């Protein structure tokens, strides 16, 4: 397998930040951005997981999301409530609360200045 290590965009990785939901619950996330994303907005990719962000899936996450950012996409990897470093209680899979939180995170990402407006039109109500 060939691992790509040279990209057309320099990548800035944000190891940890919070996405605060309307109810005050904070979801832990990591992000990979092309270096110039704040002045040259980019399409975005978002993924959520119930697993910790500092181990487990990290070996897969790092090269995959770095690859996306290296090719001009913002890549955000979040954690579900109550998992990893996120606030809240992990009750069960795919409860309405988790789906509502995911929708709220998508709206949060769409509102960021580093997201190209055209990349947000695919979401249907």
N, C-alpha and C. Protein backbone atom coordinates (compact mmCIF):
# COMPACT_ATOMS: atom_id res chain seq x y z
N UNK A 1 0.84 -1.17 0.00
CA UNK A 1 0.00 0.00 0.00
C UNK A 1 0.89 1.24 0.00
N UNK A 2 0.54 2.21 -0.82
CA UNK A 2 1.26 3.47 -0.88
C UNK A 2 0.61 4.49 0.04
N UNK A 3 1.39 5.14 0.87
CA UNK A 3 0.88 6.18 1.75
C UNK A 3 1.28 7.53 1.16
N UNK A 4 0.30 8.36 0.88
CA UNK A 4 0.55 9.68 0.30
C UNK A 4 0.98 10.61 1.42
N UNK A 5 2.10 11.29 1.21
CA UNK A 5 2.60 12.21 2.24
C UNK A 5 2.81 13.62 1.71
N UNK A 6 2.63 13.84 0.41
CA UNK A 6 2.77 15.18 -0.18
C UNK A 6 1.42 15.60 -0.73
N UNK A 7 1.01 16.82 -0.38
CA UNK A 7 -0.31 17.30 -0.76
C UNK A 7 -0.21 18.69 -1.37
N UNK A 8 -1.24 19.07 -2.09
CA UNK A 8 -1.27 20.40 -2.70
C UNK A 8 -1.55 21.50 -1.66
N UNK A 9 -2.07 21.13 -0.50
CA UNK A 9 -2.35 22.10 0.58
C UNK A 9 -1.58 21.72 1.83
N UNK A 10 -1.01 22.71 2.49
CA UNK A 10 -0.45 22.50 3.82
C UNK A 10 -1.62 22.30 4.78
N UNK A 11 -1.41 21.46 5.78
CA UNK A 11 -2.51 21.10 6.68
C UNK A 11 -2.23 21.58 8.09
N UNK A 12 -3.27 22.16 8.69
CA UNK A 12 -3.23 22.55 10.11
C UNK A 12 -4.15 21.59 10.86
N UNK A 13 -3.61 20.90 11.85
CA UNK A 13 -4.41 19.97 12.65
C UNK A 13 -4.71 20.61 14.00
N UNK A 14 -5.97 20.60 14.37
CA UNK A 14 -6.39 21.08 15.69
C UNK A 14 -6.73 19.83 16.50
N UNK A 15 -5.90 19.51 17.44
CA UNK A 15 -6.00 18.26 18.18
C UNK A 15 -7.26 18.18 19.03
N UNK A 16 -7.66 19.29 19.63
CA UNK A 16 -8.83 19.25 20.52
C UNK A 16 -9.55 20.59 20.51
N UNK A 17 -10.84 20.54 20.33
CA UNK A 17 -11.68 21.73 20.53
C UNK A 17 -13.08 21.24 20.89
N UNK A 18 -13.89 22.17 21.35
CA UNK A 18 -15.25 21.85 21.78
C UNK A 18 -16.27 22.42 20.79
N UNK A 19 -17.31 21.66 20.55
CA UNK A 19 -18.50 22.16 19.86
C UNK A 19 -19.58 22.16 20.93
N UNK A 20 -20.04 23.36 21.31
CA UNK A 20 -21.04 23.47 22.37
C UNK A 20 -22.43 23.49 21.76
N UNK A 21 -23.27 22.55 22.21
CA UNK A 21 -24.63 22.45 21.72
C UNK A 21 -25.54 23.45 22.44
N UNK A 22 -26.72 23.65 21.92
CA UNK A 22 -27.67 24.61 22.49
C UNK A 22 -27.98 24.32 23.96
N UNK A 23 -27.98 23.03 24.34
CA UNK A 23 -28.29 22.67 25.73
C UNK A 23 -27.08 22.76 26.65
N UNK A 24 -25.93 23.22 26.13
CA UNK A 24 -24.73 23.39 26.93
C UNK A 24 -23.78 22.20 26.90
N UNK A 25 -24.22 21.06 26.38
CA UNK A 25 -23.37 19.88 26.28
C UNK A 25 -22.23 20.18 25.31
N UNK A 26 -21.00 19.83 25.71
CA UNK A 26 -19.83 20.07 24.85
C UNK A 26 -19.38 18.76 24.23
N UNK A 27 -19.24 18.77 22.92
CA UNK A 27 -18.75 17.59 22.22
C UNK A 27 -17.29 17.81 21.85
N UNK A 28 -16.46 16.84 22.14
CA UNK A 28 -15.03 16.91 21.82
C UNK A 28 -14.84 16.61 20.34
N UNK A 29 -13.87 17.30 19.72
CA UNK A 29 -13.62 17.09 18.30
C UNK A 29 -12.16 17.35 17.97
N UNK A 30 -11.75 16.82 16.82
CA UNK A 30 -10.46 17.10 16.19
C UNK A 30 -10.77 17.65 14.81
N UNK A 31 -9.80 18.40 14.24
CA UNK A 31 -10.05 18.97 12.93
C UNK A 31 -8.75 19.09 12.16
N UNK A 32 -8.86 18.87 10.86
CA UNK A 32 -7.77 19.06 9.92
C UNK A 32 -8.25 20.06 8.89
N UNK A 33 -7.49 21.13 8.69
CA UNK A 33 -7.88 22.20 7.76
C UNK A 33 -6.73 22.52 6.81
N UNK A 34 -7.05 22.83 5.56
CA UNK A 34 -6.01 23.42 4.73
C UNK A 34 -5.56 24.72 5.41
N UNK A 35 -4.29 25.02 5.40
CA UNK A 35 -3.74 26.20 6.09
C UNK A 35 -4.48 27.49 5.78
N UNK A 36 -4.92 27.66 4.54
CA UNK A 36 -5.56 28.92 4.15
C UNK A 36 -7.08 28.89 4.20
N UNK A 37 -7.67 27.92 4.88
CA UNK A 37 -9.13 27.76 4.88
C UNK A 37 -9.87 28.97 5.44
N UNK A 38 -9.28 29.68 6.38
CA UNK A 38 -10.00 30.82 6.96
C UNK A 38 -10.08 32.00 6.01
N UNK A 39 -9.17 32.08 5.05
CA UNK A 39 -9.24 33.14 4.05
C UNK A 39 -9.73 32.63 2.70
N UNK A 40 -9.72 31.33 2.52
CA UNK A 40 -10.16 30.69 1.29
C UNK A 40 -11.06 29.50 1.67
N UNK A 41 -12.33 29.75 2.02
CA UNK A 41 -13.21 28.70 2.54
C UNK A 41 -13.25 27.45 1.64
N UNK A 42 -13.42 26.31 2.30
CA UNK A 42 -13.33 25.01 1.64
C UNK A 42 -14.58 24.16 1.92
N UNK A 43 -14.81 23.13 1.11
CA UNK A 43 -15.87 22.17 1.43
C UNK A 43 -15.51 21.45 2.73
N UNK A 44 -16.47 20.80 3.34
CA UNK A 44 -16.18 20.15 4.61
C UNK A 44 -16.64 18.71 4.61
N UNK A 45 -16.00 17.96 5.48
CA UNK A 45 -16.33 16.57 5.74
C UNK A 45 -16.51 16.46 7.25
N UNK A 46 -17.51 15.73 7.68
CA UNK A 46 -17.75 15.57 9.11
C UNK A 46 -18.01 14.12 9.40
N UNK A 47 -17.47 13.65 10.52
CA UNK A 47 -17.63 12.27 10.94
C UNK A 47 -17.74 12.26 12.45
N UNK A 48 -18.58 11.40 12.97
CA UNK A 48 -18.70 11.27 14.42
C UNK A 48 -18.45 9.83 14.81
N UNK A 49 -18.05 9.66 16.04
CA UNK A 49 -17.72 8.33 16.53
C UNK A 49 -18.00 8.26 18.02
N UNK A 50 -18.21 7.06 18.50
CA UNK A 50 -18.39 6.82 19.92
C UNK A 50 -17.08 6.45 20.60
N UNK A 51 -16.02 6.36 19.83
CA UNK A 51 -14.74 5.91 20.38
C UNK A 51 -13.87 7.10 20.74
N UNK A 52 -12.90 6.86 21.60
CA UNK A 52 -12.00 7.92 22.04
C UNK A 52 -11.21 8.44 20.85
N UNK A 53 -10.85 9.71 20.91
CA UNK A 53 -10.13 10.31 19.79
C UNK A 53 -8.62 10.24 19.93
N UNK A 54 -8.13 9.86 21.06
CA UNK A 54 -6.68 9.85 21.27
C UNK A 54 -6.06 8.46 21.11
N UNK A 55 -6.87 7.43 20.93
CA UNK A 55 -6.36 6.09 20.68
C UNK A 55 -7.40 5.33 19.86
N UNK A 56 -7.35 4.05 19.84
CA UNK A 56 -8.36 3.28 19.11
C UNK A 56 -8.34 3.54 17.61
N UNK A 57 -9.17 4.44 17.15
CA UNK A 57 -9.29 4.72 15.71
C UNK A 57 -8.29 5.78 15.23
N UNK A 58 -7.46 6.27 16.10
CA UNK A 58 -6.52 7.34 15.74
C UNK A 58 -5.60 6.95 14.57
N UNK A 59 -5.11 5.73 14.56
CA UNK A 59 -4.22 5.29 13.50
C UNK A 59 -4.86 5.35 12.12
N UNK A 60 -6.16 5.19 12.07
CA UNK A 60 -6.89 5.30 10.81
C UNK A 60 -7.29 6.75 10.54
N UNK A 61 -7.71 7.45 11.59
CA UNK A 61 -8.20 8.83 11.45
C UNK A 61 -7.14 9.78 10.92
N UNK A 62 -5.94 9.70 11.51
CA UNK A 62 -4.91 10.69 11.20
C UNK A 62 -4.57 10.74 9.70
N UNK A 63 -4.20 9.63 9.07
CA UNK A 63 -3.86 9.73 7.65
C UNK A 63 -5.07 10.03 6.76
N UNK A 64 -6.24 9.50 7.12
CA UNK A 64 -7.43 9.71 6.29
C UNK A 64 -7.86 11.18 6.29
N UNK A 65 -7.99 11.79 7.47
CA UNK A 65 -8.46 13.16 7.54
C UNK A 65 -7.38 14.15 7.10
N UNK A 66 -6.12 13.82 7.33
CA UNK A 66 -5.03 14.64 6.82
C UNK A 66 -5.07 14.63 5.28
N UNK A 67 -5.37 13.50 4.70
CA UNK A 67 -5.48 13.37 3.24
C UNK A 67 -6.59 14.29 2.72
N UNK A 68 -7.75 14.28 3.38
CA UNK A 68 -8.85 15.16 2.96
C UNK A 68 -8.41 16.63 3.00
N UNK A 69 -7.82 17.04 4.12
CA UNK A 69 -7.39 18.44 4.26
C UNK A 69 -6.29 18.78 3.26
N UNK A 70 -5.41 17.84 3.02
CA UNK A 70 -4.34 18.07 2.06
C UNK A 70 -4.85 18.26 0.64
N UNK A 71 -6.07 17.79 0.40
CA UNK A 71 -6.70 17.96 -0.91
C UNK A 71 -7.80 19.04 -0.89
N UNK A 72 -7.78 19.90 0.13
CA UNK A 72 -8.64 21.07 0.12
C UNK A 72 -9.98 20.95 0.81
N UNK A 73 -10.13 20.02 1.74
CA UNK A 73 -11.38 19.87 2.50
C UNK A 73 -11.11 20.07 3.98
N UNK A 74 -12.05 20.67 4.68
CA UNK A 74 -12.00 20.69 6.14
C UNK A 74 -12.53 19.34 6.60
N UNK A 75 -11.82 18.68 7.48
CA UNK A 75 -12.23 17.38 7.99
C UNK A 75 -12.42 17.49 9.51
N UNK A 76 -13.64 17.29 9.97
CA UNK A 76 -13.96 17.39 11.40
C UNK A 76 -14.36 16.00 11.88
N UNK A 77 -13.75 15.57 12.97
CA UNK A 77 -14.04 14.26 13.57
C UNK A 77 -14.50 14.50 14.98
N UNK A 78 -15.78 14.29 15.25
CA UNK A 78 -16.36 14.56 16.57
C UNK A 78 -16.67 13.30 17.34
N UNK A 79 -17.01 13.49 18.58
CA UNK A 79 -17.39 12.39 19.46
C UNK A 79 -18.83 12.57 19.91
N UNK A 80 -19.52 11.47 20.04
CA UNK A 80 -20.91 11.48 20.50
C UNK A 80 -20.97 11.87 21.97
N UNK A 81 -22.11 12.40 22.42
CA UNK A 81 -22.25 12.74 23.85
C UNK A 81 -21.96 11.52 24.73
N UNK A 82 -21.15 11.76 25.78
CA UNK A 82 -20.84 10.70 26.72
C UNK A 82 -19.74 9.76 26.27
N UNK A 83 -19.14 10.02 25.13
CA UNK A 83 -18.05 9.17 24.66
C UNK A 83 -16.78 10.00 24.50
N UNK A 84 -15.65 9.32 24.57
CA UNK A 84 -14.39 10.05 24.47
C UNK A 84 -14.33 11.11 25.54
N UNK A 85 -14.06 12.35 25.15
CA UNK A 85 -13.97 13.46 26.10
C UNK A 85 -15.22 14.32 26.11
N UNK A 86 -16.25 13.90 25.38
CA UNK A 86 -17.49 14.70 25.30
C UNK A 86 -18.28 14.63 26.60
N UNK A 87 -18.98 15.74 26.87
CA UNK A 87 -19.90 15.77 28.00
C UNK A 87 -21.07 14.83 27.72
N UNK A 88 -21.87 14.59 28.73
CA UNK A 88 -23.11 13.85 28.55
C UNK A 88 -23.01 12.39 28.95
N UNK A 89 -24.07 11.67 28.67
CA UNK A 89 -24.20 10.27 29.03
C UNK A 89 -24.45 9.46 27.77
N UNK A 90 -23.66 8.43 27.56
CA UNK A 90 -23.83 7.54 26.42
C UNK A 90 -24.84 6.47 26.81
N UNK A 91 -26.06 6.60 26.31
CA UNK A 91 -27.14 5.71 26.72
C UNK A 91 -27.30 4.51 25.79
N UNK A 92 -27.40 4.74 24.51
CA UNK A 92 -27.61 3.66 23.54
C UNK A 92 -27.24 4.21 22.17
N UNK A 93 -27.25 3.36 21.17
CA UNK A 93 -26.92 3.81 19.83
C UNK A 93 -28.12 4.39 19.11
N UNK A 94 -27.86 5.45 18.36
CA UNK A 94 -28.81 6.04 17.42
C UNK A 94 -30.14 6.47 18.03
N UNK A 95 -30.08 6.96 19.25
CA UNK A 95 -31.28 7.54 19.87
C UNK A 95 -31.58 8.87 19.18
N UNK A 96 -32.80 9.35 19.31
CA UNK A 96 -33.18 10.62 18.70
C UNK A 96 -32.27 11.74 19.16
N UNK A 97 -31.86 11.73 20.42
CA UNK A 97 -30.97 12.76 20.96
C UNK A 97 -29.67 12.81 20.16
N UNK A 98 -29.11 11.63 19.88
CA UNK A 98 -27.85 11.58 19.13
C UNK A 98 -28.03 12.12 17.71
N UNK A 99 -29.15 11.81 17.09
CA UNK A 99 -29.44 12.30 15.75
C UNK A 99 -29.64 13.82 15.76
N UNK A 100 -30.36 14.32 16.77
CA UNK A 100 -30.56 15.76 16.89
C UNK A 100 -29.23 16.49 17.12
N UNK A 101 -28.37 15.90 17.97
CA UNK A 101 -27.06 16.50 18.21
C UNK A 101 -26.25 16.54 16.92
N UNK A 102 -26.30 15.48 16.14
CA UNK A 102 -25.57 15.44 14.87
C UNK A 102 -26.05 16.54 13.93
N UNK A 103 -27.35 16.75 13.88
CA UNK A 103 -27.91 17.80 13.04
C UNK A 103 -27.42 19.17 13.51
N UNK A 104 -27.37 19.36 14.81
CA UNK A 104 -26.89 20.63 15.37
C UNK A 104 -25.40 20.85 15.06
N UNK A 105 -24.61 19.80 15.10
CA UNK A 105 -23.19 19.91 14.76
C UNK A 105 -23.03 20.28 13.29
N UNK A 106 -23.81 19.68 12.42
CA UNK A 106 -23.75 20.02 11.00
C UNK A 106 -24.06 21.50 10.79
N UNK A 107 -25.06 22.01 11.49
CA UNK A 107 -25.38 23.44 11.41
C UNK A 107 -24.23 24.30 11.93
N UNK A 108 -23.58 23.85 13.02
CA UNK A 108 -22.44 24.59 13.58
C UNK A 108 -21.32 24.65 12.56
N UNK A 109 -21.00 23.52 11.95
CA UNK A 109 -19.92 23.49 10.95
C UNK A 109 -20.26 24.41 9.78
N UNK A 110 -21.50 24.35 9.31
CA UNK A 110 -21.91 25.17 8.16
C UNK A 110 -21.75 26.67 8.45
N UNK A 111 -21.83 27.07 9.72
CA UNK A 111 -21.74 28.48 10.09
C UNK A 111 -20.30 28.98 10.23
N UNK A 112 -19.32 28.09 10.14
CA UNK A 112 -17.93 28.49 10.34
C UNK A 112 -17.39 29.23 9.12
N UNK A 113 -16.51 30.20 9.36
CA UNK A 113 -16.00 31.03 8.27
C UNK A 113 -15.09 30.26 7.32
N UNK A 114 -14.58 29.09 7.71
CA UNK A 114 -13.71 28.31 6.85
C UNK A 114 -14.47 27.35 5.93
N UNK A 115 -15.80 27.38 5.99
CA UNK A 115 -16.62 26.48 5.16
C UNK A 115 -17.15 27.24 3.95
N UNK A 116 -16.92 26.68 2.78
CA UNK A 116 -17.47 27.27 1.55
C UNK A 116 -18.99 27.08 1.57
N UNK A 117 -19.72 28.15 1.33
CA UNK A 117 -21.18 28.12 1.39
C UNK A 117 -21.77 27.05 0.46
N UNK A 118 -21.21 26.88 -0.71
CA UNK A 118 -21.75 25.91 -1.67
C UNK A 118 -21.66 24.49 -1.14
N UNK A 119 -20.74 24.19 -0.22
CA UNK A 119 -20.60 22.84 0.28
C UNK A 119 -21.70 22.47 1.26
N UNK A 120 -22.52 23.41 1.66
CA UNK A 120 -23.56 23.16 2.65
C UNK A 120 -24.92 22.93 2.04
N UNK A 121 -25.05 23.05 0.74
CA UNK A 121 -26.34 22.94 0.09
C UNK A 121 -26.85 21.52 -0.03
N UNK A 122 -26.01 20.52 0.21
CA UNK A 122 -26.43 19.12 0.03
C UNK A 122 -27.34 18.64 1.14
N UNK A 123 -27.36 19.30 2.27
CA UNK A 123 -28.16 18.86 3.41
C UNK A 123 -29.63 19.17 3.18
N UNK A 124 -30.44 18.17 3.33
CA UNK A 124 -31.89 18.32 3.14
C UNK A 124 -32.58 18.36 4.49
N UNK A 125 -33.63 19.13 4.61
CA UNK A 125 -34.38 19.21 5.89
C UNK A 125 -35.26 17.99 6.04
